[in-house]
Amino acid sequence: MSSHVEFSFPPDAGPKPAVWTKEQEEFVKQFPHICKDCKWLKPIIPNTKFPPADLVGYCKIIHWPFYWCISKYTVIKKCKWFEKKE
């Protein structure tokens, strides 16, 4: 009797590009990050109380499934995972 476990993942597993609201688009425009033109940026909702004050958003591709925080003060000018938003 074999005692191994077989794993399978659904074909659609993985990160999905973020859906932005108009409010989020306006918020992100003010920062010089390359991330603002990337389909993997998930911006925070402006004026929410939970995220840290210096947070612009999260990258949904780097270190997935754990999101990577993008700060207002650490400007990202180049990224090898950058994909232009459609």
C-alpha atoms as a PDB file:
ATOM      1  CA  MET A   1       0.000   0.000   0.000  1.00  0.00           C
ATOM      2  CA  SER A   2       1.363   3.378  -1.019  1.00  0.00           C
ATOM      3  CA  SER A   3       1.243   6.149   1.558  1.00  0.00           C
ATOM      4  CA  HIS A   4       1.830   9.256  -0.492  1.00  0.00           C
ATOM      5  CA  VAL A   5      -0.259  12.324  -1.045  1.00  0.00           C
ATOM      6  CA  GLU A   6      -0.956  13.671  -4.497  1.00  0.00           C
ATOM      7  CA  PHE A   7      -1.583  17.389  -4.878  1.00  0.00           C
ATOM      8  CA  SER A   8      -3.372  19.119  -7.683  1.00  0.00           C
ATOM      9  CA  PHE A   9      -4.002  22.807  -8.228  1.00  0.00           C
ATOM     10  CA  PRO A  10      -6.816  24.352 -10.219  1.00  0.00           C
ATOM     11  CA  PRO A  11      -5.620  25.845 -13.520  1.00  0.00           C
ATOM     12  CA  ASP A  12      -6.834  29.307 -12.491  1.00  0.00           C
ATOM     13  CA  ALA A  13      -4.885  29.359  -9.206  1.00  0.00           C
ATOM     14  CA  GLY A  14      -2.659  32.364  -8.723  1.00  0.00           C
ATOM     15  CA  PRO A  15      -2.942  36.112  -8.448  1.00  0.00           C
ATOM     16  CA  LYS A  16      -5.515  38.059 -10.413  1.00  0.00           C
ATOM     17  CA  PRO A  17      -4.910  41.657 -11.501  1.00  0.00           C
ATOM     18  CA  ALA A  18      -6.493  44.147  -9.135  1.00  0.00           C
ATOM     19  CA  VAL A  19      -9.716  45.994  -9.933  1.00  0.00           C
ATOM     20  CA  TRP A  20      -9.332  49.701  -9.189  1.00  0.00           C
ATOM     21  CA  THR A  21     -11.959  52.217  -8.167  1.00  0.00           C
ATOM     22  CA  LYS A  22     -11.834  55.795  -9.480  1.00  0.00           C
ATOM     23  CA  GLU A  23     -10.810  56.941  -5.981  1.00  0.00           C
ATOM     24  CA  GLN A  24      -7.851  54.541  -5.958  1.00  0.00           C
ATOM     25  CA  GLU A  25      -6.725  55.689  -9.424  1.00  0.00           C
ATOM     26  CA  GLU A  26      -6.648  59.327  -8.299  1.00  0.00           C
ATOM     27  CA  PHE A  27      -4.765  58.399  -5.108  1.00  0.00           C
ATOM     28  CA  VAL A  28      -2.046  56.405  -6.904  1.00  0.00           C
ATOM     29  CA  LYS A  29      -1.429  59.081  -9.585  1.00  0.00           C
ATOM     30  CA  GLN A  30       0.308  61.308  -7.044  1.00  0.00           C
ATOM     31  CA  PHE A  31       3.214  58.870  -6.461  1.00  0.00           C
ATOM     32  CA  PRO A  32       6.249  58.443  -8.768  1.00  0.00           C
ATOM     33  CA  HIS A  33       6.338  54.631  -8.478  1.00  0.00           C
ATOM     34  CA  ILE A  34       6.497  52.535 -11.649  1.00  0.00           C
ATOM     35  CA  CYS A  35       3.879  50.411  -9.862  1.00  0.00           C
ATOM     36  CA  LYS A  36       1.101  52.860 -10.696  1.00  0.00           C
ATOM     37  CA  ASP A  37       1.171  51.613 -14.313  1.00  0.00           C
ATOM     38  CA  CYS A  38       1.465  47.922 -13.382  1.00  0.00           C
ATOM     39  CA  LYS A  39      -1.447  45.511 -13.485  1.00  0.00           C
ATOM     40  CA  TRP A  40      -0.248  43.806 -10.275  1.00  0.00           C
ATOM     41  CA  LEU A  41      -0.595  46.846  -7.989  1.00  0.00           C
ATOM     42  CA  LYS A  42      -3.482  46.616  -5.545  1.00  0.00           C
ATOM     43  CA  PRO A  43      -3.778  50.145  -4.175  1.00  0.00           C
ATOM     44  CA  ILE A  44      -5.176  50.792  -0.740  1.00  0.00           C
ATOM     45  CA  ILE A  45      -8.536  52.492  -0.411  1.00  0.00           C
ATOM     46  CA  PRO A  46      -7.718  56.107   0.519  1.00  0.00           C
ATOM     47  CA  ASN A  47      -8.751  57.355   3.972  1.00  0.00           C
ATOM     48  CA  THR A  48      -9.094  53.886   5.478  1.00  0.00           C
ATOM     49  CA  LYS A  49      -7.907  53.485   9.057  1.00  0.00           C
ATOM     50  CA  PHE A  50      -6.334  50.024   8.943  1.00  0.00           C
ATOM     51  CA  PRO A  51      -3.295  50.218   6.633  1.00  0.00           C
ATOM     52  CA  PRO A  52      -0.177  52.075   7.807  1.00  0.00           C
ATOM     53  CA  ALA A  53      -0.167  55.767   6.907  1.00  0.00           C
ATOM     54  CA  ASP A  54       2.735  55.456   4.464  1.00  0.00           C
ATOM     55  CA  LEU A  55       1.194  52.629   2.416  1.00  0.00           C
ATOM     56  CA  VAL A  56       0.317  53.149  -1.273  1.00  0.00           C
ATOM     57  CA  GLY A  57      -0.682  49.577  -2.030  1.00  0.00           C
ATOM     58  CA  TYR A  58       0.376  45.969  -2.354  1.00  0.00           C
ATOM     59  CA  CYS A  59       2.084  44.050  -5.143  1.00  0.00           C
ATOM     60  CA  LYS A  60       0.039  40.953  -5.994  1.00  0.00           C
ATOM     61  CA  ILE A  61       2.797  39.161  -7.925  1.00  0.00           C
ATOM     62  CA  ILE A  62       5.903  39.437  -5.710  1.00  0.00           C
ATOM     63  CA  HIS A  63       6.033  36.840  -2.938  1.00  0.00           C
ATOM     64  CA  TRP A  64       2.537  35.591  -3.778  1.00  0.00           C
ATOM     65  CA  PRO A  65       0.371  34.597  -1.898  1.00  0.00           C
ATOM     66  CA  PHE A  66       1.851  37.073   0.584  1.00  0.00           C
ATOM     67  CA  TYR A  67       1.524  40.631  -0.654  1.00  0.00           C
ATOM     68  CA  TRP A  68       4.480  42.972  -0.710  1.00  0.00           C
ATOM     69  CA  CYS A  69       3.842  46.462   0.678  1.00  0.00           C
ATOM     70  CA  ILE A  70       4.593  49.550  -1.415  1.00  0.00           C
ATOM     71  CA  SER A  71       5.452  52.607   0.652  1.00  0.00           C
ATOM     72  CA  LYS A  72       5.128  56.292  -0.241  1.00  0.00           C
ATOM     73  CA  TYR A  73       8.700  56.884   0.881  1.00  0.00           C
ATOM     74  CA  THR A  74      10.536  54.034  -0.858  1.00  0.00           C
ATOM     75  CA  VAL A  75      10.031  54.891  -4.518  1.00  0.00           C
ATOM     76  CA  ILE A  76      10.188  51.946  -6.904  1.00  0.00           C
ATOM     77  CA  LYS A  77      11.592  53.008 -10.283  1.00  0.00           C
ATOM     78  CA  LYS A  78      12.303  49.614 -11.845  1.00  0.00           C
ATOM     79  CA  CYS A  79      10.831  46.141 -11.327  1.00  0.00           C
ATOM     80  CA  LYS A  80      11.476  42.906 -13.195  1.00  0.00           C
ATOM     81  CA  TRP A  81       7.865  41.776 -12.644  1.00  0.00           C
ATOM     82  CA  PHE A  82       6.370  44.964 -14.092  1.00  0.00           C
ATOM     83  CA  GLU A  83       3.499  44.379 -16.536  1.00  0.00           C
ATOM     84  CA  LYS A  84       1.719  47.318 -18.138  1.00  0.00           C
ATOM     85  CA  LYS A  85      -1.933  47.733 -17.155  1.00  0.00           C
ATOM     86  CA  GLU A  86      -4.333  47.205 -20.039  1.00  0.00           C
END
